[in-house]
N, C-alpha and C. Protein backbone atom coordinates (compact mmCIF):
# COMPACT_ATOMS: atom_id res chain seq x y z
N UNK A 1 -30.35 -20.34 -1.04
CA UNK A 1 -31.05 -20.54 -2.28
C UNK A 1 -30.08 -20.88 -3.43
N UNK A 2 -28.91 -20.30 -3.40
CA UNK A 2 -27.97 -20.50 -4.49
C UNK A 2 -27.63 -21.99 -4.60
N UNK A 3 -27.77 -22.51 -5.82
CA UNK A 3 -27.43 -23.91 -6.07
C UNK A 3 -28.55 -24.89 -5.75
N UNK A 4 -29.63 -24.42 -5.14
CA UNK A 4 -30.75 -25.30 -4.82
C UNK A 4 -31.50 -25.67 -6.09
N UNK A 5 -32.01 -26.88 -6.11
CA UNK A 5 -32.87 -27.32 -7.21
C UNK A 5 -34.31 -27.22 -6.75
N UNK A 6 -35.19 -26.83 -7.65
CA UNK A 6 -36.60 -26.67 -7.35
C UNK A 6 -37.44 -27.48 -8.33
N UNK A 7 -38.43 -28.19 -7.78
CA UNK A 7 -39.29 -29.03 -8.60
C UNK A 7 -39.93 -28.21 -9.71
N UNK A 8 -40.50 -27.05 -9.35
CA UNK A 8 -41.16 -26.21 -10.35
C UNK A 8 -40.23 -25.80 -11.47
N UNK A 9 -39.01 -25.45 -11.13
CA UNK A 9 -38.03 -25.06 -12.14
C UNK A 9 -37.67 -26.21 -13.06
N UNK A 10 -37.50 -27.39 -12.50
CA UNK A 10 -37.19 -28.57 -13.31
C UNK A 10 -38.34 -28.90 -14.26
N UNK A 11 -39.57 -28.83 -13.74
CA UNK A 11 -40.73 -29.13 -14.58
C UNK A 11 -40.85 -28.11 -15.71
N UNK A 12 -40.63 -26.84 -15.39
CA UNK A 12 -40.69 -25.79 -16.41
C UNK A 12 -39.64 -26.03 -17.50
N UNK A 13 -38.42 -26.39 -17.08
CA UNK A 13 -37.37 -26.65 -18.04
C UNK A 13 -37.73 -27.84 -18.93
N UNK A 14 -38.23 -28.92 -18.32
CA UNK A 14 -38.64 -30.09 -19.10
C UNK A 14 -39.77 -29.74 -20.06
N UNK A 15 -40.72 -28.95 -19.59
CA UNK A 15 -41.83 -28.54 -20.44
C UNK A 15 -41.33 -27.79 -21.67
N UNK A 16 -40.39 -26.88 -21.46
CA UNK A 16 -39.82 -26.13 -22.59
C UNK A 16 -39.09 -27.05 -23.55
N UNK A 17 -38.33 -28.00 -23.03
CA UNK A 17 -37.60 -28.94 -23.89
C UNK A 17 -38.56 -29.83 -24.68
N UNK A 18 -39.61 -30.30 -24.03
CA UNK A 18 -40.60 -31.14 -24.72
C UNK A 18 -41.29 -30.33 -25.81
N UNK A 19 -41.66 -29.11 -25.50
CA UNK A 19 -42.30 -28.25 -26.50
C UNK A 19 -41.39 -28.06 -27.70
N UNK A 20 -40.11 -27.81 -27.44
CA UNK A 20 -39.15 -27.62 -28.52
C UNK A 20 -39.04 -28.88 -29.38
N UNK A 21 -38.99 -30.04 -28.73
CA UNK A 21 -38.91 -31.31 -29.47
C UNK A 21 -40.17 -31.54 -30.30
N UNK A 22 -41.32 -31.24 -29.73
CA UNK A 22 -42.57 -31.44 -30.45
C UNK A 22 -42.69 -30.48 -31.64
N UNK A 23 -42.27 -29.25 -31.45
CA UNK A 23 -42.39 -28.26 -32.52
C UNK A 23 -41.41 -28.53 -33.66
N UNK A 24 -40.27 -29.13 -33.33
CA UNK A 24 -39.25 -29.43 -34.34
C UNK A 24 -39.78 -30.52 -35.27
N UNK A 25 -39.86 -30.22 -36.53
CA UNK A 25 -40.31 -31.21 -37.50
C UNK A 25 -41.81 -31.20 -37.75
N UNK A 26 -42.54 -30.34 -37.04
CA UNK A 26 -43.98 -30.23 -37.28
C UNK A 26 -44.19 -29.37 -38.52
N UNK A 27 -45.36 -29.53 -39.17
CA UNK A 27 -45.66 -28.62 -40.28
C UNK A 27 -45.53 -27.18 -39.80
N UNK A 28 -45.09 -26.27 -40.66
CA UNK A 28 -44.76 -24.91 -40.22
C UNK A 28 -45.89 -24.20 -39.47
N UNK A 29 -47.14 -24.42 -39.87
CA UNK A 29 -48.23 -23.71 -39.21
C UNK A 29 -48.80 -24.46 -38.01
N UNK A 30 -48.15 -25.57 -37.61
CA UNK A 30 -48.65 -26.38 -36.50
C UNK A 30 -47.65 -26.36 -35.35
N UNK A 31 -48.12 -26.03 -34.16
CA UNK A 31 -47.27 -26.09 -32.97
C UNK A 31 -47.47 -27.43 -32.29
N UNK A 32 -46.60 -27.74 -31.33
CA UNK A 32 -46.74 -28.98 -30.58
C UNK A 32 -48.07 -29.08 -29.87
N UNK A 33 -48.51 -27.97 -29.25
CA UNK A 33 -49.79 -27.98 -28.54
C UNK A 33 -50.94 -28.24 -29.50
N UNK A 34 -50.89 -27.63 -30.67
CA UNK A 34 -51.93 -27.89 -31.67
C UNK A 34 -51.93 -29.37 -32.06
N UNK A 35 -50.75 -29.95 -32.15
CA UNK A 35 -50.65 -31.38 -32.46
C UNK A 35 -51.29 -32.24 -31.38
N UNK A 36 -51.04 -31.87 -30.10
CA UNK A 36 -51.67 -32.60 -28.99
C UNK A 36 -53.18 -32.48 -29.07
N UNK A 37 -53.68 -31.30 -29.40
CA UNK A 37 -55.13 -31.09 -29.47
C UNK A 37 -55.72 -31.87 -30.64
N UNK A 38 -55.04 -31.87 -31.78
CA UNK A 38 -55.51 -32.67 -32.91
C UNK A 38 -55.61 -34.14 -32.50
N UNK A 39 -54.59 -34.64 -31.82
CA UNK A 39 -54.61 -36.03 -31.37
C UNK A 39 -55.75 -36.29 -30.39
N UNK A 40 -55.96 -35.39 -29.46
CA UNK A 40 -57.04 -35.53 -28.48
C UNK A 40 -58.40 -35.56 -29.17
N UNK A 41 -58.62 -34.63 -30.10
CA UNK A 41 -59.90 -34.61 -30.81
C UNK A 41 -60.07 -35.84 -31.69
N UNK A 42 -58.99 -36.29 -32.28
CA UNK A 42 -59.04 -37.49 -33.12
C UNK A 42 -59.40 -38.72 -32.29
N UNK A 43 -58.79 -38.85 -31.11
CA UNK A 43 -59.09 -39.99 -30.23
C UNK A 43 -60.53 -39.98 -29.74
N UNK A 44 -61.14 -38.83 -29.73
CA UNK A 44 -62.50 -38.68 -29.22
C UNK A 44 -63.50 -38.34 -30.33
N UNK A 45 -63.18 -38.74 -31.55
CA UNK A 45 -64.03 -38.37 -32.68
C UNK A 45 -65.42 -39.02 -32.62
N UNK A 46 -65.60 -39.99 -31.75
CA UNK A 46 -66.89 -40.66 -31.63
C UNK A 46 -67.89 -39.89 -30.76
N UNK A 47 -67.47 -38.75 -30.21
CA UNK A 47 -68.39 -37.95 -29.40
C UNK A 47 -68.14 -36.46 -29.67
N UNK A 48 -69.13 -35.66 -29.36
CA UNK A 48 -68.98 -34.22 -29.53
C UNK A 48 -67.97 -33.69 -28.52
N UNK A 49 -67.03 -32.90 -29.01
CA UNK A 49 -66.00 -32.31 -28.17
C UNK A 49 -66.11 -30.79 -28.26
N UNK A 50 -65.89 -30.14 -27.10
CA UNK A 50 -66.05 -28.70 -27.02
C UNK A 50 -64.79 -28.08 -26.43
N UNK A 51 -64.72 -26.76 -26.47
CA UNK A 51 -63.56 -26.06 -25.93
C UNK A 51 -63.31 -26.46 -24.48
N UNK A 52 -64.36 -26.59 -23.70
CA UNK A 52 -64.20 -26.94 -22.28
C UNK A 52 -63.51 -28.30 -22.11
N UNK A 53 -63.71 -29.22 -23.07
CA UNK A 53 -63.04 -30.53 -23.01
C UNK A 53 -61.54 -30.36 -23.22
N UNK A 54 -61.16 -29.48 -24.13
CA UNK A 54 -59.75 -29.20 -24.39
C UNK A 54 -59.14 -28.54 -23.14
N UNK A 55 -59.85 -27.58 -22.56
CA UNK A 55 -59.36 -26.91 -21.35
C UNK A 55 -59.10 -27.93 -20.24
N UNK A 56 -60.05 -28.84 -20.04
CA UNK A 56 -59.92 -29.84 -18.97
C UNK A 56 -58.80 -30.84 -19.27
N UNK A 57 -58.72 -31.30 -20.49
CA UNK A 57 -57.72 -32.32 -20.85
C UNK A 57 -56.30 -31.79 -20.68
N UNK A 58 -56.07 -30.54 -21.08
CA UNK A 58 -54.73 -29.99 -21.05
C UNK A 58 -54.49 -29.05 -19.87
N UNK A 59 -55.50 -28.94 -19.02
CA UNK A 59 -55.40 -28.10 -17.82
C UNK A 59 -54.92 -26.69 -18.18
N UNK A 60 -55.62 -26.10 -19.15
CA UNK A 60 -55.28 -24.75 -19.58
C UNK A 60 -56.48 -23.83 -19.34
N UNK A 61 -56.19 -22.56 -19.22
CA UNK A 61 -57.24 -21.57 -18.99
C UNK A 61 -58.06 -21.35 -20.25
N UNK A 62 -59.27 -20.84 -20.04
CA UNK A 62 -60.18 -20.58 -21.15
C UNK A 62 -59.52 -19.66 -22.18
N UNK A 63 -58.87 -18.60 -21.71
CA UNK A 63 -58.26 -17.64 -22.64
C UNK A 63 -57.16 -18.29 -23.48
N UNK A 64 -56.39 -19.18 -22.86
CA UNK A 64 -55.33 -19.89 -23.59
C UNK A 64 -55.95 -20.80 -24.65
N UNK A 65 -56.97 -21.57 -24.24
CA UNK A 65 -57.63 -22.47 -25.17
C UNK A 65 -58.27 -21.69 -26.33
N UNK A 66 -58.90 -20.57 -26.00
CA UNK A 66 -59.53 -19.75 -27.04
C UNK A 66 -58.50 -19.33 -28.09
N UNK A 67 -57.36 -18.83 -27.64
CA UNK A 67 -56.32 -18.39 -28.56
C UNK A 67 -55.81 -19.52 -29.45
N UNK A 68 -55.55 -20.66 -28.84
CA UNK A 68 -55.03 -21.81 -29.61
C UNK A 68 -56.07 -22.29 -30.62
N UNK A 69 -57.31 -22.45 -30.17
CA UNK A 69 -58.36 -22.96 -31.05
C UNK A 69 -58.69 -21.97 -32.17
N UNK A 70 -58.65 -20.68 -31.87
CA UNK A 70 -58.88 -19.68 -32.93
C UNK A 70 -57.80 -19.76 -33.99
N UNK A 71 -56.56 -19.93 -33.56
CA UNK A 71 -55.46 -20.06 -34.51
C UNK A 71 -55.61 -21.34 -35.34
N UNK A 72 -56.01 -22.43 -34.68
CA UNK A 72 -56.22 -23.68 -35.41
C UNK A 72 -57.33 -23.53 -36.45
N UNK A 73 -58.36 -22.80 -36.07
CA UNK A 73 -59.46 -22.54 -37.01
C UNK A 73 -58.96 -21.70 -38.18
N UNK A 74 -58.21 -20.65 -37.88
CA UNK A 74 -57.66 -19.77 -38.92
C UNK A 74 -56.74 -20.54 -39.87
N UNK A 75 -55.96 -21.48 -39.32
CA UNK A 75 -55.03 -22.27 -40.14
C UNK A 75 -55.69 -23.45 -40.83
N UNK A 76 -57.01 -23.59 -40.64
CA UNK A 76 -57.74 -24.64 -41.37
C UNK A 76 -57.68 -26.01 -40.75
N UNK A 77 -57.37 -26.10 -39.45
CA UNK A 77 -57.29 -27.41 -38.78
C UNK A 77 -58.60 -27.83 -38.12
N UNK A 78 -59.45 -26.88 -37.80
CA UNK A 78 -60.72 -27.26 -37.20
C UNK A 78 -61.82 -26.29 -37.53
N UNK A 79 -63.04 -26.79 -37.36
CA UNK A 79 -64.25 -26.00 -37.53
C UNK A 79 -65.00 -26.03 -36.21
N UNK A 80 -65.76 -24.99 -35.96
CA UNK A 80 -66.67 -24.97 -34.81
C UNK A 80 -68.07 -25.06 -35.39
N UNK A 81 -68.76 -26.15 -35.07
CA UNK A 81 -70.09 -26.38 -35.63
C UNK A 81 -71.13 -26.40 -34.52
N UNK A 82 -72.30 -25.78 -34.76
CA UNK A 82 -73.35 -25.79 -33.74
C UNK A 82 -73.88 -27.22 -33.54
N UNK A 83 -74.42 -27.46 -32.35
CA UNK A 83 -75.06 -28.75 -32.06
C UNK A 83 -76.56 -28.49 -31.89
N UNK A 84 -77.35 -29.46 -32.30
CA UNK A 84 -78.81 -29.29 -32.30
C UNK A 84 -79.39 -29.14 -30.89
N UNK A 85 -78.76 -29.76 -29.92
CA UNK A 85 -79.34 -29.78 -28.57
C UNK A 85 -79.01 -28.56 -27.72
N UNK A 86 -78.12 -27.66 -28.17
CA UNK A 86 -77.82 -26.45 -27.40
C UNK A 86 -77.19 -25.42 -28.34
N UNK A 87 -77.93 -24.40 -28.68
CA UNK A 87 -77.48 -23.40 -29.64
C UNK A 87 -76.25 -22.63 -29.17
N UNK A 88 -76.00 -22.62 -27.86
CA UNK A 88 -74.84 -21.90 -27.32
C UNK A 88 -73.53 -22.65 -27.56
N UNK A 89 -73.62 -23.96 -27.74
CA UNK A 89 -72.42 -24.79 -27.86
C UNK A 89 -71.98 -24.96 -29.31
N UNK A 90 -70.67 -24.96 -29.49
CA UNK A 90 -70.07 -25.22 -30.81
C UNK A 90 -69.08 -26.37 -30.64
N UNK A 91 -69.36 -27.49 -31.31
CA UNK A 91 -68.45 -28.62 -31.21
C UNK A 91 -67.24 -28.39 -32.11
N UNK A 92 -66.13 -28.98 -31.71
CA UNK A 92 -64.88 -28.86 -32.45
C UNK A 92 -64.77 -30.05 -33.40
N UNK A 93 -64.58 -29.75 -34.68
CA UNK A 93 -64.51 -30.79 -35.70
C UNK A 93 -63.22 -30.62 -36.48
N UNK A 94 -62.44 -31.69 -36.57
CA UNK A 94 -61.20 -31.64 -37.33
C UNK A 94 -61.50 -31.60 -38.83
N UNK A 95 -60.70 -30.84 -39.54
CA UNK A 95 -60.85 -30.73 -40.99
C UNK A 95 -60.00 -31.82 -41.66
N UNK A 96 -60.22 -32.04 -42.95
CA UNK A 96 -59.36 -32.98 -43.69
C UNK A 96 -57.88 -32.60 -43.59
N UNK A 97 -57.59 -31.30 -43.54
CA UNK A 97 -56.20 -30.86 -43.40
C UNK A 97 -55.61 -31.37 -42.09
N UNK A 98 -56.36 -31.27 -41.00
CA UNK A 98 -55.88 -31.75 -39.70
C UNK A 98 -55.69 -33.26 -39.72
N UNK A 99 -56.63 -33.97 -40.34
CA UNK A 99 -56.52 -35.43 -40.41
C UNK A 99 -55.30 -35.83 -41.23
N UNK A 100 -54.97 -35.03 -42.25
CA UNK A 100 -53.81 -35.33 -43.09
C UNK A 100 -52.50 -35.20 -42.32
N UNK A 101 -52.43 -34.25 -41.38
CA UNK A 101 -51.19 -34.09 -40.62
C UNK A 101 -51.18 -34.95 -39.34
N UNK A 102 -52.31 -35.57 -39.03
CA UNK A 102 -52.42 -36.34 -37.80
C UNK A 102 -51.34 -37.44 -37.70
N UNK A 103 -51.11 -38.15 -38.77
CA UNK A 103 -50.10 -39.22 -38.73
C UNK A 103 -48.71 -38.68 -38.43
N UNK A 104 -48.39 -37.53 -39.00
CA UNK A 104 -47.11 -36.90 -38.69
C UNK A 104 -47.02 -36.48 -37.24
N UNK A 105 -48.13 -36.00 -36.71
CA UNK A 105 -48.20 -35.61 -35.30
C UNK A 105 -47.96 -36.84 -34.42
N UNK A 106 -48.63 -37.93 -34.74
CA UNK A 106 -48.47 -39.17 -33.96
C UNK A 106 -47.01 -39.63 -34.01
N UNK A 107 -46.42 -39.57 -35.17
CA UNK A 107 -45.02 -39.95 -35.32
C UNK A 107 -44.12 -39.08 -34.45
N UNK A 108 -44.39 -37.78 -34.43
CA UNK A 108 -43.60 -36.83 -33.63
C UNK A 108 -43.77 -37.10 -32.14
N UNK A 109 -45.00 -37.39 -31.72
CA UNK A 109 -45.26 -37.71 -30.31
C UNK A 109 -44.49 -38.96 -29.90
N UNK A 110 -44.56 -39.98 -30.74
CA UNK A 110 -43.85 -41.24 -30.43
C UNK A 110 -42.34 -41.02 -30.34
N UNK A 111 -41.80 -40.24 -31.26
CA UNK A 111 -40.36 -39.98 -31.25
C UNK A 111 -39.97 -39.20 -30.00
N UNK A 112 -40.78 -38.22 -29.63
CA UNK A 112 -40.49 -37.42 -28.44
C UNK A 112 -40.59 -38.26 -27.18
N UNK A 113 -41.64 -39.08 -27.09
CA UNK A 113 -41.80 -39.97 -25.92
C UNK A 113 -40.62 -40.93 -25.82
N UNK A 114 -40.19 -41.47 -26.94
CA UNK A 114 -39.05 -42.40 -26.93
C UNK A 114 -37.78 -41.69 -26.46
N UNK A 115 -37.62 -40.47 -26.89
CA UNK A 115 -36.45 -39.69 -26.49
C UNK A 115 -36.49 -39.36 -25.00
N UNK A 116 -37.67 -38.98 -24.52
CA UNK A 116 -37.82 -38.64 -23.10
C UNK A 116 -37.54 -39.85 -22.21
N UNK A 117 -38.06 -41.00 -22.59
CA UNK A 117 -38.00 -42.18 -21.72
C UNK A 117 -36.79 -43.09 -21.97
N UNK A 118 -35.91 -42.66 -22.87
CA UNK A 118 -34.70 -43.45 -23.13
C UNK A 118 -33.94 -43.65 -21.82
N UNK A 119 -33.52 -44.86 -21.56
CA UNK A 119 -32.75 -45.23 -20.36
C UNK A 119 -33.56 -45.13 -19.07
N UNK A 120 -34.87 -45.04 -19.15
CA UNK A 120 -35.74 -45.03 -17.98
C UNK A 120 -36.41 -46.39 -17.89
N UNK A 121 -36.29 -47.03 -16.73
CA UNK A 121 -36.89 -48.35 -16.56
C UNK A 121 -38.40 -48.23 -16.41
N UNK A 122 -39.13 -49.32 -16.68
CA UNK A 122 -40.59 -49.29 -16.45
C UNK A 122 -40.94 -48.94 -15.00
N UNK A 123 -40.14 -49.39 -14.08
CA UNK A 123 -40.39 -49.08 -12.66
C UNK A 123 -40.20 -47.59 -12.39
N UNK A 124 -39.14 -47.01 -12.96
CA UNK A 124 -38.90 -45.57 -12.80
C UNK A 124 -40.03 -44.75 -13.42
N UNK A 125 -40.51 -45.22 -14.56
CA UNK A 125 -41.61 -44.53 -15.23
C UNK A 125 -42.88 -44.57 -14.38
N UNK A 126 -43.18 -45.71 -13.79
CA UNK A 126 -44.33 -45.82 -12.89
C UNK A 126 -44.18 -44.90 -11.70
N UNK A 127 -42.98 -44.86 -11.14
CA UNK A 127 -42.70 -43.98 -10.01
C UNK A 127 -42.89 -42.52 -10.41
N UNK A 128 -42.41 -42.17 -11.60
CA UNK A 128 -42.57 -40.81 -12.11
C UNK A 128 -44.04 -40.43 -12.18
N UNK A 129 -44.87 -41.32 -12.76
CA UNK A 129 -46.30 -41.02 -12.88
C UNK A 129 -46.97 -40.92 -11.51
N UNK A 130 -46.55 -41.74 -10.57
CA UNK A 130 -47.11 -41.68 -9.22
C UNK A 130 -46.76 -40.34 -8.56
N UNK A 131 -45.52 -39.92 -8.73
CA UNK A 131 -45.08 -38.65 -8.13
C UNK A 131 -45.77 -37.47 -8.79
N UNK A 132 -45.86 -37.46 -10.12
CA UNK A 132 -46.52 -36.34 -10.78
C UNK A 132 -48.01 -36.29 -10.44
N UNK A 133 -48.63 -37.44 -10.21
CA UNK A 133 -50.04 -37.45 -9.77
C UNK A 133 -50.17 -36.79 -8.41
N UNK A 134 -49.22 -37.04 -7.52
CA UNK A 134 -49.23 -36.38 -6.21
C UNK A 134 -49.03 -34.88 -6.35
N UNK A 135 -48.10 -34.47 -7.22
CA UNK A 135 -47.89 -33.04 -7.46
C UNK A 135 -49.19 -32.40 -7.92
N UNK A 136 -49.87 -33.05 -8.89
CA UNK A 136 -51.09 -32.51 -9.44
C UNK A 136 -52.16 -32.37 -8.35
N UNK A 137 -52.33 -33.43 -7.54
CA UNK A 137 -53.33 -33.38 -6.45
C UNK A 137 -52.99 -32.25 -5.46
N UNK A 138 -51.71 -32.06 -5.16
CA UNK A 138 -51.30 -31.01 -4.23
C UNK A 138 -51.62 -29.62 -4.76
N UNK A 139 -51.61 -29.47 -6.07
CA UNK A 139 -51.82 -28.15 -6.66
C UNK A 139 -53.27 -27.86 -7.02
N UNK A 140 -54.08 -28.91 -7.10
CA UNK A 140 -55.49 -28.70 -7.48
C UNK A 140 -56.32 -28.22 -6.32
């Protein structure tokens, strides 16, 4: 085992580095994950979005999503509004505050993506996505 490299360990390390890059330069009350969620909700503003959509998009557990979304609500980034067709459901709506920081979030995502993919060829990037898709299928 000593000196062996493990896929899971490498992915975990990369995930931590990406999180650190995303969090660096974000507004103080916004984390990288909150930025990703703001972007996701913004891209889907033409339809009602719910907590389950966030869970599915980011492959996170309900408890994790609940904690993040509650904090976003507390920090004034989103509202949960009832929908007429199902009283049990609360759609997620971005606030003007979230929309104001959205451009900064997009800029941070672009900078992080550029940093991650620096010196990576388009072919290598395609291969990476193909391999990670296989990893995901193996784990689902």
